[in-house]
Amino acid sequence: MKAKRNLLIWGIVIGVLAAAVGSYIGVPSIRRAVDRMASTFGLAGPKEGVTYWCPMHPEIVRKNPGTCPV
């Protein structure tokens, strides 16, 4: 009974660690794959007529998304 309990606990611990590592490693590679697919089909890039601004500095307005220069 105690061996089954220990096995269950270790299985849960290893599963949680694997999920945490997989999500940390997987997110950037998934984003790159989506960006690559979007550029392949011509879906990447800013939309025409759209302006982007910084929520903390509304005076900063740009044609392309990105980080705030302030």
N, C-alpha and C. Protein backbone atom coordinates (compact mmCIF):
# COMPACT_ATOMS: atom_id res chain seq x y z
N MET A 1 0.83 -1.19 0.00
CA MET A 1 0.00 0.00 0.00
C MET A 1 0.87 1.26 0.00
N LYS A 2 1.93 1.24 0.81
CA LYS A 2 2.81 2.39 0.89
C LYS A 2 3.58 2.57 -0.41
N ALA A 3 3.94 1.48 -1.06
CA ALA A 3 4.67 1.55 -2.33
C ALA A 3 3.79 2.17 -3.42
N LYS A 4 2.52 1.81 -3.44
CA LYS A 4 1.61 2.39 -4.43
C LYS A 4 1.45 3.90 -4.19
N ARG A 5 1.37 4.28 -2.94
CA ARG A 5 1.22 5.69 -2.59
C ARG A 5 2.45 6.47 -3.02
N ASN A 6 3.63 5.94 -2.74
CA ASN A 6 4.87 6.61 -3.14
C ASN A 6 4.98 6.71 -4.66
N LEU A 7 4.58 5.64 -5.34
CA LEU A 7 4.61 5.65 -6.80
C LEU A 7 3.66 6.71 -7.36
N LEU A 8 2.49 6.83 -6.78
CA LEU A 8 1.52 7.83 -7.20
C LEU A 8 2.07 9.24 -6.96
N ILE A 9 2.65 9.48 -5.81
CA ILE A 9 3.21 10.80 -5.50
C ILE A 9 4.33 11.14 -6.47
N TRP A 10 5.23 10.21 -6.71
CA TRP A 10 6.33 10.47 -7.64
C TRP A 10 5.82 10.69 -9.07
N GLY A 11 4.80 9.97 -9.45
CA GLY A 11 4.21 10.16 -10.77
C GLY A 11 3.62 11.55 -10.93
N ILE A 12 2.94 12.03 -9.89
CA ILE A 12 2.37 13.37 -9.92
C ILE A 12 3.47 14.42 -9.97
N VAL A 13 4.52 14.26 -9.17
CA VAL A 13 5.63 15.21 -9.14
C VAL A 13 6.31 15.27 -10.51
N ILE A 14 6.60 14.11 -11.08
CA ILE A 14 7.27 14.08 -12.38
C ILE A 14 6.36 14.66 -13.46
N GLY A 15 5.07 14.38 -13.40
CA GLY A 15 4.12 14.94 -14.37
C GLY A 15 4.05 16.45 -14.31
N VAL A 16 4.01 16.99 -13.10
CA VAL A 16 3.96 18.45 -12.93
C VAL A 16 5.24 19.09 -13.43
N LEU A 17 6.38 18.49 -13.10
CA LEU A 17 7.66 19.03 -13.58
C LEU A 17 7.77 18.96 -15.10
N ALA A 18 7.33 17.86 -15.67
CA ALA A 18 7.38 17.72 -17.14
C ALA A 18 6.47 18.75 -17.81
N ALA A 19 5.30 18.98 -17.24
CA ALA A 19 4.38 19.97 -17.81
C ALA A 19 4.97 21.37 -17.71
N ALA A 20 5.60 21.68 -16.57
CA ALA A 20 6.19 23.01 -16.38
C ALA A 20 7.34 23.24 -17.36
N VAL A 21 8.22 22.27 -17.48
CA VAL A 21 9.35 22.40 -18.41
C VAL A 21 8.86 22.44 -19.84
N GLY A 22 7.91 21.61 -20.19
CA GLY A 22 7.38 21.59 -21.55
C GLY A 22 6.70 22.90 -21.93
N SER A 23 5.96 23.48 -21.00
CA SER A 23 5.31 24.75 -21.32
C SER A 23 6.33 25.87 -21.42
N TYR A 24 7.38 25.84 -20.61
CA TYR A 24 8.42 26.88 -20.67
C TYR A 24 9.20 26.78 -21.98
N ILE A 25 9.53 25.58 -22.40
CA ILE A 25 10.31 25.39 -23.62
C ILE A 25 9.42 25.52 -24.85
N GLY A 26 8.19 25.06 -24.77
CA GLY A 26 7.33 24.99 -25.94
C GLY A 26 6.77 26.31 -26.42
N VAL A 27 6.56 27.28 -25.53
CA VAL A 27 5.91 28.52 -25.92
C VAL A 27 6.69 29.29 -26.98
N PRO A 28 7.98 29.55 -26.81
CA PRO A 28 8.68 30.29 -27.87
C PRO A 28 8.71 29.55 -29.20
N SER A 29 8.87 28.24 -29.18
CA SER A 29 8.93 27.50 -30.44
C SER A 29 7.57 27.49 -31.12
N ILE A 30 6.49 27.45 -30.37
CA ILE A 30 5.15 27.51 -30.96
C ILE A 30 4.93 28.88 -31.59
N ARG A 31 5.36 29.94 -30.90
CA ARG A 31 5.22 31.29 -31.46
C ARG A 31 6.00 31.42 -32.76
N ARG A 32 7.21 30.88 -32.79
CA ARG A 32 8.00 30.95 -34.02
C ARG A 32 7.31 30.20 -35.15
N ALA A 33 6.75 29.05 -34.85
CA ALA A 33 6.07 28.26 -35.87
C ALA A 33 4.84 29.00 -36.40
N VAL A 34 4.08 29.61 -35.52
CA VAL A 34 2.90 30.36 -35.95
C VAL A 34 3.30 31.57 -36.78
N ASP A 35 4.35 32.29 -36.35
CA ASP A 35 4.83 33.43 -37.13
C ASP A 35 5.31 33.00 -38.51
N ARG A 36 6.00 31.87 -38.57
CA ARG A 36 6.50 31.35 -39.84
C ARG A 36 5.34 31.00 -40.76
N MET A 37 4.31 30.34 -40.23
CA MET A 37 3.16 29.99 -41.04
C MET A 37 2.41 31.23 -41.50
N ALA A 38 2.27 32.22 -40.62
CA ALA A 38 1.57 33.45 -40.99
C ALA A 38 2.30 34.18 -42.10
N SER A 39 3.63 34.24 -42.02
CA SER A 39 4.37 34.93 -43.07
C SER A 39 4.32 34.15 -44.38
N THR A 40 4.25 32.84 -44.31
CA THR A 40 4.16 32.02 -45.51
C THR A 40 2.87 32.31 -46.27
N PHE A 41 1.78 32.48 -45.54
CA PHE A 41 0.49 32.71 -46.18
C PHE A 41 0.15 34.19 -46.31
N GLY A 42 1.10 35.07 -46.01
CA GLY A 42 0.88 36.51 -46.18
C GLY A 42 -0.01 37.11 -45.12
N LEU A 43 -0.09 36.50 -43.96
CA LEU A 43 -0.95 37.01 -42.89
C LEU A 43 -0.19 37.83 -41.87
N ALA A 44 1.12 37.89 -42.00
CA ALA A 44 1.92 38.58 -40.99
C ALA A 44 1.98 40.07 -41.30
N GLY A 45 2.36 40.83 -40.30
CA GLY A 45 2.56 42.26 -40.48
C GLY A 45 1.37 43.06 -39.99
N PRO A 46 1.58 44.35 -39.84
CA PRO A 46 0.50 45.20 -39.34
C PRO A 46 -0.59 45.40 -40.40
N LYS A 47 -1.78 45.64 -39.94
CA LYS A 47 -2.89 45.90 -40.84
C LYS A 47 -2.86 47.36 -41.26
N GLU A 48 -3.30 47.62 -42.47
CA GLU A 48 -3.30 48.99 -42.96
C GLU A 48 -4.38 49.80 -42.26
N GLY A 49 -4.05 51.06 -41.97
CA GLY A 49 -5.01 51.94 -41.32
C GLY A 49 -5.11 51.75 -39.83
N VAL A 50 -4.30 50.87 -39.25
CA VAL A 50 -4.34 50.62 -37.82
C VAL A 50 -3.18 51.37 -37.17
N THR A 51 -3.45 52.02 -36.06
CA THR A 51 -2.37 52.67 -35.31
C THR A 51 -2.25 51.99 -33.96
N TYR A 52 -1.03 51.91 -33.49
CA TYR A 52 -0.73 51.29 -32.20
C TYR A 52 -0.20 52.37 -31.27
N TRP A 53 -0.60 52.32 -30.01
CA TRP A 53 -0.10 53.27 -29.03
C TRP A 53 0.18 52.56 -27.73
N CYS A 54 1.05 53.20 -26.95
CA CYS A 54 1.42 52.64 -25.64
C CYS A 54 0.32 52.95 -24.64
N PRO A 55 -0.17 51.96 -23.89
CA PRO A 55 -1.23 52.24 -22.92
C PRO A 55 -0.77 53.14 -21.78
N MET A 56 0.53 53.13 -21.49
CA MET A 56 1.02 53.98 -20.41
C MET A 56 1.45 55.35 -20.90
N HIS A 57 1.74 55.47 -22.19
CA HIS A 57 2.18 56.75 -22.78
C HIS A 57 1.35 56.97 -24.04
N PRO A 58 0.12 57.45 -23.93
CA PRO A 58 -0.76 57.57 -25.10
C PRO A 58 -0.23 58.53 -26.17
N GLU A 59 0.75 59.35 -25.84
CA GLU A 59 1.31 60.24 -26.84
C GLU A 59 2.21 59.51 -27.83
N ILE A 60 2.61 58.28 -27.50
CA ILE A 60 3.44 57.46 -28.39
C ILE A 60 2.51 56.69 -29.32
N VAL A 61 2.49 57.07 -30.60
CA VAL A 61 1.63 56.43 -31.60
C VAL A 61 2.53 55.95 -32.73
N ARG A 62 2.32 54.71 -33.14
CA ARG A 62 3.14 54.12 -34.20
C ARG A 62 2.27 53.38 -35.20
N LYS A 63 2.86 53.11 -36.37
CA LYS A 63 2.17 52.33 -37.40
C LYS A 63 2.36 50.84 -37.20
N ASN A 64 3.43 50.44 -36.47
CA ASN A 64 3.74 49.03 -36.25
C ASN A 64 3.69 48.71 -34.78
N PRO A 65 3.31 47.47 -34.40
CA PRO A 65 3.36 47.08 -33.00
C PRO A 65 4.79 46.94 -32.54
N GLY A 66 5.02 47.11 -31.26
CA GLY A 66 6.36 46.95 -30.71
C GLY A 66 6.41 47.46 -29.29
N THR A 67 7.63 47.57 -28.78
CA THR A 67 7.80 48.04 -27.41
C THR A 67 7.81 49.56 -27.37
N CYS A 68 7.45 50.09 -26.25
CA CYS A 68 7.40 51.53 -26.05
C CYS A 68 8.84 52.06 -25.93
N PRO A 69 9.19 53.12 -26.63
CA PRO A 69 10.55 53.64 -26.56
C PRO A 69 10.85 54.42 -25.28
N VAL A 70 9.83 54.71 -24.49
CA VAL A 70 10.04 55.50 -23.27
C VAL A 70 10.54 54.63 -22.16
